[in-house]
Amino acid sequence: MASRVDTLIAGQGLAGSLLAWQLLQRGESVLVVDDQGPAAASRVAAGMINPLAGRRLALYPNTALYLEEAYATYAELAEAFGKPFFFPVPIHRYFQNEAEQTRHEERRQDPEFAPYLGEQLDGGFVTLGGGWVDVPALLKSIRDWLSTAGYLRKATIDYNELQVSADSVLWGDVEAQRVIFCEGWRGARNPWFDWLPWDPVKGEILSVQGDALQRDRILNRGKWLVPGPENSFRAGATYDREAFDDLPTEAGNAEILAGLRVLLPGETLQITDRQAGVRPGTRTQHPFLGRHPGYNPLAILNGFGSKGTLLIPRLAKLFCDHLSKGYSLPSNMDVRALWKS
């Protein structure tokens, strides 16, 4: 006889972890399936939350709501596991060119940007409202909790092993009402969701140490430097749309170090680790969530790119409300709306 659960979750990255957390808090039965590979994008992420992203200093729609939910969720998890995961710090952003400086002046005239624009620096400004999440520590805490409770299985779901009916899914000895795919960039190869406009991007980062580095801020000037666990810092990142692997490269290493020399002239840094992962980016610049248009028991929560630490807390909760209460999903993220378009 197959064991029964409400939800089978494929992937224990940040999306799968926070989705499992939300469902279990609501009394749902859950089984998370993950191969626990060390180089999944979530596990090598610097975890930065930056309200003003990119060269355009763009605000993601409803940033204030996403920040509010992120703060609340990471505080809730800190209380549950007895350790902090989110560290609010200002971001010292330095202009790379005159275009960025001009864009900053434009943003200062817009009231929508006022909560995030702090003091001006010599050659830049301070971004407020951000910080960094210790994603590896958070994933480990949730993984240990799931494992102890019997809610985690170390495996990979073979798509050919899924038997999908009108109202359930059978995978080996597990029968579930639904399976939710939170597989990161591998979602682009999922035969039920490969039609979505994916845009995976490989990124490399370095772990570094330095005597004069300060932990009370994030530095950003093309490349960024983010505090990490203990006395480490993470520096990055690169963007490669050709190679989809988890192998650090000499070219990536050289690119990040060149950026750090501009960001920290004269600073001597010690490289302690090199990592790479593939971000699950999308061509719409928005994540994908919702039920498959033809197979109701199949669903997805994926495609967060580099915005996962900001977006996932709110969208995981919204997705749970959609499943249990029928709440609508944002049309620019709902995979059924994307199918119709």
Protein backbone atom coordinates (compact mmCIF):
# COMPACT_ATOMS: atom_id res chain seq x y z
CA MET A 1 0.00 0.00 0.00
CA ALA A 2 1.27 3.47 -0.88
CA SER A 3 1.76 5.96 1.93
CA ARG A 4 -0.39 9.06 1.51
CA VAL A 5 0.63 12.70 1.81
CA ASP A 6 -1.07 15.90 0.80
CA THR A 7 1.93 17.35 -1.04
CA LEU A 8 5.06 15.94 -2.58
CA ILE A 9 7.73 18.64 -3.03
CA ALA A 10 10.55 18.12 -5.52
CA GLY A 11 13.58 20.11 -4.33
CA GLN A 12 14.77 21.47 -0.98
CA GLY A 13 16.26 24.73 -2.09
CA LEU A 14 14.91 27.94 -0.61
CA ALA A 15 11.59 27.67 -2.49
CA GLY A 16 10.97 24.05 -1.53
CA SER A 17 12.06 24.65 2.06
CA LEU A 18 9.84 27.67 2.70
CA LEU A 19 6.92 26.03 0.88
CA ALA A 20 7.27 22.94 3.10
CA TRP A 21 7.47 25.17 6.17
CA GLN A 22 4.28 27.00 5.24
CA LEU A 23 2.33 23.85 4.40
CA LEU A 24 3.36 22.07 7.60
CA GLN A 25 2.40 25.09 9.70
CA ARG A 26 -1.09 24.77 8.17
CA GLY A 27 -1.41 21.11 9.12
CA GLU A 28 -0.69 19.65 5.68
CA SER A 29 1.24 16.41 5.32
CA VAL A 30 4.37 16.84 3.22
CA LEU A 31 7.22 14.79 1.80
CA VAL A 32 10.21 16.70 0.40
CA VAL A 33 12.41 14.86 -2.09
CA ASP A 34 15.92 16.20 -2.71
CA ASP A 35 19.24 14.71 -3.75
CA GLN A 36 21.00 17.16 -1.37
CA GLY A 37 23.58 18.11 -3.97
CA PRO A 38 26.01 20.67 -2.52
CA ALA A 39 26.07 23.00 -5.51
CA ALA A 40 22.36 23.73 -6.02
CA ALA A 41 21.87 27.45 -6.67
CA SER A 42 20.31 28.10 -3.24
CA ARG A 43 23.21 26.46 -1.45
CA VAL A 44 25.83 28.63 -3.15
CA ALA A 45 23.84 31.88 -3.06
CA ALA A 46 25.18 34.91 -1.21
CA GLY A 47 21.62 35.52 0.02
CA MET A 48 21.60 39.27 -0.65
CA ILE A 49 18.34 41.20 -0.42
CA ASN A 50 18.72 44.39 -2.44
CA PRO A 51 15.62 46.57 -2.93
CA LEU A 52 17.26 48.51 -5.79
CA ALA A 53 18.64 46.01 -8.25
CA GLY A 54 20.70 46.26 -11.39
CA ARG A 55 22.13 49.19 -13.28
CA ARG A 56 18.68 50.75 -13.58
CA LEU A 57 18.23 50.80 -9.78
CA ALA A 58 14.88 49.12 -10.40
CA LEU A 59 12.26 48.42 -7.74
CA TYR A 60 10.51 45.08 -8.12
CA PRO A 61 6.71 45.60 -8.10
CA ASN A 62 5.33 45.63 -4.53
CA THR A 63 8.81 45.60 -3.03
CA ALA A 64 7.51 46.90 0.31
CA LEU A 65 5.14 43.93 0.64
CA TYR A 66 7.86 41.45 -0.25
CA LEU A 67 10.25 43.01 2.26
CA GLU A 68 7.62 42.95 4.99
CA GLU A 69 6.92 39.26 4.46
CA ALA A 70 10.61 38.42 4.19
CA TYR A 71 11.42 40.16 7.48
CA ALA A 72 8.51 38.38 9.21
CA THR A 73 9.31 34.93 7.80
CA TYR A 74 13.02 35.01 8.61
CA ALA A 75 12.21 36.27 12.13
CA GLU A 76 9.71 33.42 12.57
CA LEU A 77 12.33 30.89 11.44
CA ALA A 78 14.94 32.43 13.74
CA GLU A 79 12.62 31.99 16.70
CA ALA A 80 11.75 28.41 15.69
CA PHE A 81 15.36 27.29 15.27
CA GLY A 82 17.01 29.49 17.89
CA LYS A 83 19.43 31.27 15.56
CA PRO A 84 19.31 34.31 13.27
CA PHE A 85 19.26 33.86 9.51
CA PHE A 86 18.62 37.39 8.23
CA PHE A 87 21.09 40.20 8.88
CA PRO A 88 19.85 43.69 7.92
CA VAL A 89 22.72 45.90 6.78
CA PRO A 90 22.95 48.92 4.45
CA ILE A 91 24.25 48.47 0.93
CA HIS A 92 26.96 50.92 -0.13
CA ARG A 93 26.39 51.29 -3.85
CA TYR A 94 29.06 53.04 -5.94
CA PHE A 95 28.40 54.41 -9.42
CA GLN A 96 30.14 52.67 -12.29
CA ASN A 97 29.42 55.45 -14.80
CA GLU A 98 27.55 58.70 -15.37
CA ALA A 99 24.42 56.90 -16.52
CA GLU A 100 24.03 55.27 -13.10
CA GLN A 101 24.57 58.59 -11.37
CA THR A 102 21.92 60.21 -13.57
CA ARG A 103 19.50 57.39 -12.83
CA HIS A 104 20.11 57.85 -9.10
CA GLU A 105 19.26 61.54 -9.34
CA GLU A 106 16.03 60.63 -11.13
CA ARG A 107 15.16 58.11 -8.43
CA ARG A 108 15.65 60.71 -5.70
CA GLN A 109 12.82 62.73 -7.22
CA ASP A 110 10.41 59.77 -7.06
CA PRO A 111 8.59 59.28 -3.70
CA GLU A 112 8.29 55.54 -4.36
CA PHE A 113 12.07 55.20 -3.99
CA ALA A 114 12.40 57.39 -0.89
CA PRO A 115 12.33 54.55 1.69
CA TYR A 116 15.33 52.88 0.05
CA LEU A 117 17.59 55.85 -0.74
CA GLY A 118 19.89 56.68 2.15
CA GLU A 119 22.76 59.10 2.50
CA GLN A 120 24.98 59.97 -0.42
CA LEU A 121 28.53 58.67 -0.48
CA ASP A 122 31.58 59.90 -2.31
CA GLY A 123 30.80 58.40 -5.70
CA GLY A 124 27.65 56.58 -4.64
CA PHE A 125 24.85 56.24 -2.13
CA VAL A 126 23.45 53.96 0.57
CA THR A 127 20.57 51.59 -0.18
CA LEU A 128 18.32 50.96 2.82
CA GLY A 129 16.01 48.05 3.63
CA GLY A 130 18.30 45.27 2.47
CA GLY A 131 20.73 42.83 4.00
CA TRP A 132 21.74 39.21 3.63
CA VAL A 133 20.33 35.81 4.50
CA ASP A 134 22.53 32.93 5.60
CA VAL A 135 20.84 30.61 3.11
CA PRO A 136 23.06 27.54 3.66
CA ALA A 137 22.47 27.67 7.43
CA LEU A 138 18.73 28.14 6.93
CA LEU A 139 18.50 25.23 4.50
CA LYS A 140 20.47 22.99 6.87
CA SER A 141 18.21 23.84 9.81
CA ILE A 142 15.08 23.09 7.78
CA ARG A 143 16.66 19.96 6.29
CA ASP A 144 17.55 18.58 9.73
CA TRP A 145 14.06 19.39 11.00
CA LEU A 146 12.37 17.71 8.03
CA SER A 147 14.65 14.69 8.28
CA THR A 148 14.05 14.21 12.02
CA ALA A 149 10.30 14.41 11.51
CA GLY A 150 10.39 11.96 8.60
CA TYR A 151 9.37 14.54 6.01
CA LEU A 152 12.50 14.31 3.84
CA ARG A 153 13.73 11.67 1.45
CA LYS A 154 17.14 11.77 -0.21
CA ALA A 155 16.37 10.95 -3.82
CA THR A 156 15.67 12.43 -7.23
CA ILE A 157 12.22 12.24 -8.76
CA ASP A 158 12.44 10.58 -12.16
CA TYR A 159 9.69 12.13 -14.27
CA ASN A 160 9.04 8.74 -15.89
CA GLU A 161 8.26 7.27 -12.47
CA LEU A 162 5.39 9.67 -11.81
CA GLN A 163 1.93 8.27 -12.47
CA VAL A 164 -0.45 11.21 -12.81
CA SER A 165 -4.22 10.79 -12.59
CA ALA A 166 -7.00 13.36 -12.50
CA ASP A 167 -6.70 14.04 -8.76
CA SER A 168 -3.49 12.45 -7.47
CA VAL A 169 0.09 11.51 -8.21
CA LEU A 170 1.78 8.18 -7.49
CA TRP A 171 5.56 8.07 -7.08
CA GLY A 172 6.86 4.67 -6.01
CA ASP A 173 5.37 3.98 -2.58
CA VAL A 174 4.00 7.54 -2.16
CA GLU A 175 0.58 8.77 -3.21
CA ALA A 176 0.01 12.54 -3.07
CA GLN A 177 -2.76 14.95 -3.92
CA ARG A 178 -0.20 17.03 -5.77
CA VAL A 179 3.47 17.34 -6.58
CA ILE A 180 5.03 20.79 -6.57
CA PHE A 181 8.27 21.17 -8.52
CA CYS A 182 10.84 23.46 -6.85
CA GLU A 183 13.82 22.16 -8.80
CA GLY A 184 15.70 25.33 -9.63
CA TRP A 185 17.08 25.60 -13.14
CA ARG A 186 16.35 21.93 -13.83
CA GLY A 187 12.74 23.00 -14.18
CA ALA A 188 13.67 24.03 -17.72
CA ARG A 189 14.07 20.30 -18.47
CA ASN A 190 10.87 19.21 -16.73
CA PRO A 191 8.66 17.77 -19.51
CA TRP A 192 5.52 19.32 -17.96
CA PHE A 193 6.97 22.82 -17.59
CA ASP A 194 9.71 23.08 -20.23
CA TRP A 195 7.39 25.25 -22.38
CA LEU A 196 7.73 28.16 -19.94
CA PRO A 197 10.09 31.00 -20.97
CA TRP A 198 13.11 29.92 -18.93
CA ASP A 199 16.43 31.78 -18.97
CA PRO A 200 18.87 29.91 -16.70
CA VAL A 201 22.12 31.70 -15.91
CA LYS A 202 25.25 30.19 -14.38
CA GLY A 203 26.89 32.28 -11.69
CA GLU A 204 30.19 31.97 -9.85
CA ILE A 205 31.10 33.41 -6.46
CA LEU A 206 34.15 33.44 -4.23
CA SER A 207 34.43 33.12 -0.46
CA VAL A 208 37.13 35.50 0.78
CA GLN A 209 38.68 36.85 3.95
CA GLY A 210 40.50 40.11 4.58
CA ASP A 211 41.81 41.92 7.65
CA ALA A 212 40.20 45.27 6.83
CA LEU A 213 36.82 44.03 5.62
CA GLN A 214 33.80 45.38 7.51
CA ARG A 215 30.77 43.25 8.32
CA ASP A 216 28.28 46.06 8.91
CA ARG A 217 27.61 46.73 5.22
CA ILE A 218 27.37 45.25 1.76
CA LEU A 219 29.57 46.79 -0.95
CA ASN A 220 28.41 46.97 -4.56
CA ARG A 221 30.14 48.38 -7.61
CA GLY A 222 29.43 46.06 -10.50
CA LYS A 223 30.70 43.23 -8.33
CA TRP A 224 29.54 42.91 -4.71
CA LEU A 225 30.96 41.86 -1.37
CA VAL A 226 28.50 40.40 1.15
CA PRO A 227 29.26 39.31 4.74
CA GLY A 228 28.93 35.59 5.29
CA PRO A 229 29.07 33.14 8.19
CA GLU A 230 31.74 33.70 10.85
CA ASN A 231 34.54 35.85 9.40
CA SER A 232 33.96 35.06 5.75
CA PHE A 233 32.64 37.19 2.90
CA ARG A 234 31.13 36.23 -0.42
CA ALA A 235 32.07 38.05 -3.59
CA GLY A 236 30.47 37.87 -7.00
CA ALA A 237 29.03 37.35 -9.33
CA THR A 238 29.34 36.23 -12.93
CA TYR A 239 26.62 35.66 -15.53
CA ASP A 240 27.01 32.86 -18.09
CA ARG A 241 24.13 31.76 -20.32
CA GLU A 242 26.14 29.11 -22.16
CA ALA A 243 27.42 26.65 -19.53
CA PHE A 244 24.94 24.99 -17.19
CA ASP A 245 27.15 23.27 -14.67
CA ASP A 246 28.45 23.79 -11.14
CA LEU A 247 32.15 24.06 -12.03
CA PRO A 248 34.09 27.20 -11.07
CA THR A 249 36.29 28.53 -13.89
CA GLU A 250 39.53 30.47 -14.07
CA ALA A 251 37.76 33.10 -16.20
CA GLY A 252 35.07 33.55 -13.57
CA ASN A 253 37.65 33.74 -10.82
CA ALA A 254 39.61 36.40 -12.71
CA GLU A 255 36.46 38.44 -13.46
CA ILE A 256 35.40 38.60 -9.81
CA LEU A 257 38.92 39.43 -8.60
CA ALA A 258 39.16 42.25 -11.16
CA GLY A 259 35.90 43.67 -9.82
CA LEU A 260 37.12 43.40 -6.24
CA ARG A 261 40.29 45.33 -7.10
CA VAL A 262 38.06 48.21 -8.24
CA LEU A 263 35.78 47.87 -5.24
CA LEU A 264 38.59 47.46 -2.68
CA PRO A 265 41.76 49.03 -4.10
CA GLY A 266 44.83 47.95 -2.20
CA GLU A 267 43.02 45.35 -0.07
CA THR A 268 44.70 41.96 0.27
CA LEU A 269 42.15 39.15 0.09
CA GLN A 270 42.48 35.46 0.77
CA ILE A 271 40.28 33.17 -1.34
CA THR A 272 38.93 30.35 0.81
CA ASP A 273 36.43 28.78 -1.59
CA ARG A 274 35.10 28.94 -5.15
CA GLN A 275 31.58 27.91 -6.03
CA ALA A 276 29.24 27.92 -8.99
CA GLY A 277 25.55 27.26 -9.52
CA VAL A 278 22.85 27.88 -12.10
CA ARG A 279 20.17 30.46 -11.31
CA PRO A 280 16.65 29.56 -12.45
CA GLY A 281 16.10 32.78 -14.38
CA THR A 282 13.14 33.55 -16.62
CA ARG A 283 12.67 35.71 -19.71
CA THR A 284 9.66 37.40 -18.09
CA GLN A 285 11.83 38.54 -15.12
CA HIS A 286 9.13 37.03 -12.85
CA PRO A 287 8.92 33.60 -11.19
CA PHE A 288 6.60 30.80 -12.23
CA LEU A 289 3.92 29.43 -9.93
CA GLY A 290 0.66 27.60 -10.15
CA ARG A 291 -0.92 24.41 -11.40
CA HIS A 292 -0.19 22.89 -14.78
CA PRO A 293 -2.92 23.88 -17.29
CA GLY A 294 -3.59 20.27 -18.28
CA TYR A 295 -2.64 18.24 -15.18
CA ASN A 296 -4.19 19.62 -12.02
CA PRO A 297 -2.07 17.57 -9.56
CA LEU A 298 1.15 19.01 -11.05
CA ALA A 299 2.31 22.45 -9.91
CA ILE A 300 5.41 24.62 -9.83
CA LEU A 301 7.08 27.23 -7.60
CA ASN A 302 10.29 28.22 -9.35
CA GLY A 303 12.13 30.73 -11.52
CA PHE A 304 13.31 33.21 -8.86
CA GLY A 305 16.69 33.97 -10.42
CA SER A 306 18.72 36.09 -8.03
CA LYS A 307 15.66 37.43 -6.17
CA GLY A 308 14.76 34.33 -4.19
CA THR A 309 15.55 35.62 -0.70
CA LEU A 310 13.25 38.59 -1.29
CA LEU A 311 10.38 36.99 -3.21
CA ILE A 312 10.02 33.43 -1.93
CA PRO A 313 8.70 34.15 1.60
CA ARG A 314 5.64 36.02 0.29
CA LEU A 315 5.03 33.88 -2.77
CA ALA A 316 5.30 30.59 -0.87
CA LYS A 317 2.58 31.86 1.49
CA LEU A 318 0.47 33.15 -1.41
CA PHE A 319 0.78 29.82 -3.19
CA CYS A 320 -0.41 27.98 -0.07
CA ASP A 321 -3.42 30.32 0.06
CA HIS A 322 -4.06 29.55 -3.59
CA LEU A 323 -4.02 25.80 -2.95
CA SER A 324 -6.16 25.85 0.22
CA LYS A 325 -8.42 28.87 -0.29
CA GLY A 326 -8.47 29.39 -4.03
CA TYR A 327 -6.75 32.78 -3.91
CA SER A 328 -5.74 34.18 -7.28
CA LEU A 329 -2.11 34.21 -8.34
CA PRO A 330 -0.44 37.20 -10.02
CA SER A 331 -1.20 36.93 -13.72
CA ASN A 332 2.42 37.67 -14.68
CA MET A 333 3.51 34.60 -12.66
CA ASP A 334 0.56 32.20 -13.00
CA VAL A 335 1.64 29.42 -15.37
CA ARG A 336 -1.94 28.93 -16.56
CA ALA A 337 -2.09 32.57 -17.64
CA LEU A 338 1.29 32.17 -19.35
CA TRP A 339 -0.01 29.11 -21.18
CA LYS A 340 -2.94 31.11 -22.57
CA SER A 341 -0.61 33.89 -23.69
